[in-house]
Structure formats: structure tokens, C-alpha cells
């Protein structure tokens, strides 16, 4: 079983590992009861109330840290999705680039961060936040559609057991990347998304772009077929789905 160091409180589990990376071995895993400054992508705050959810990170050093951050994020989000499905939520899916959702409600997210030395990765940290036991009322205060594993299953979740299961899957994914390459894992990640074939809007600094998702790249890019028939790759931005709820599209809307 993975060796997990549990902490009472930290600013963020990612920051904790990055700051202590020089003194810790590759593969060190930490989890915290609460975070005082939890973060998501693009500097967003990650709500981290004590005692209810999972906030955990793993430290990777070279050679593992030299793998592209995008494929490591895919390995982590796939591990979350598979652990959530095994816990009784088979409708969980991955939203590009790093979130795990149930329908349109956010359940989990991944934040991969790297520290460079001389232009090369010195340490890389994969952080994962999963809403496990938050109540419906607490989720409503987040300010965006969100859910928790307990809300979806109607049962309380053992955080320590879930964390062990999650990291067991993540370590297996990382071992697969090291020994077999990216092809099979990336294919499973694409299959875990509901976006291919769907009309979406990318909210980008230069304005919104609408099109149909055709594929994803190993580097984390999203391929969009535009109205003029051309296809372009996008490497950043937020995807909001523009689909009317129906059984045919799995109830996606947004």
C-alpha cells in the first residue's frame, strides 16, 4: 500500500512538497486534513474545509519528473475517475483538461506544478482535490455546480481508504507511463471524456471560440473543428458545454 504522510493543516499540499522537495525522495505522498490556501488552475481558490474532503499531492523527481506535465495530469485525473467509479459513481467523467465531473457538477480537480533548475525539471508535484463528504449545503456555497462522493452515493466516505485506493491507481498509471509509454493511458483518458463530438465554447483571453471537439493531444491540447471546417489545437482555456439536457447527450448542458 502507498505510504501516505497525513498532515493536520498546510497552506497547500503542492506547496508543501515543492518547498521540501530537496529533502524528500521521489514518490513522497502527503495528504492534509485542511488547506489554508488550496489552489486550482489559473490561481483559483480550492475550497478546503477541514475533515471532509481529500487534499493530497505526490512528489516526482527525475526521471519521473521529466514526463510532460499534461500526461501526468491525465494519469491523475484518470486515477480519480476510476476510483470514484469504483466507489459507486459510474457516471463520473473527465472534463478537459483536469477536472472530474458527475454530469455538470465538479467532483475533483488536478493541479500539476513543476520547479525548474537550469531550465530542467527539478521537482514536479501532482496535486489532487476530491470532494468526499461535503454536504449539499456546503457545496452550494462554493459558487459553481459541485458535488461530493457522499452526496452521489448517499454514504459517508472513509478518506484514508479512498486516498490509499486513489494513490494505488495513480502509481500504477505512472508505472505504465514509465514502462509502456503514453499511448494506452492517453486512449483510456480520451475514452473517459464526454467531449469528443460535442459543441463547446472555449473562453480564451482573446474572446470565445465555438466549435466541435474532435480529439485530444498527448500534450494536453484540445482539437476543435470550427464553423469554417478547419481544425485547430488549443492548449489553454476553459470549456463550457453548450448542449441541451437530453438522454442522448447524458444530460450535459451549460
Foldseek 3Di string as FASTA:
>chain_A
DQDEAEEAEEQAQQVVCVVCVVPDDAFYKYWYQFHNADAAPPGHGDHTDGDFWIKMKGKHFPPLQQPFQQLLLLLQQLLVLVLLVVLPQVQWFDDPPFFIARQQATFKGKDKDFDDDPNGTGMIMIIMIGGAGDDPVRCVVVPGHHDHSCVVVVDHDDRVVSVVSSVVSSVVSSVCCVPPNRVVSQVVNFVRHLQAQFWKWFQDPVGIFIFGWHGADSNRWTWGQHPVRDIDTDRDGDIQGDDPQDVVSNGHHD
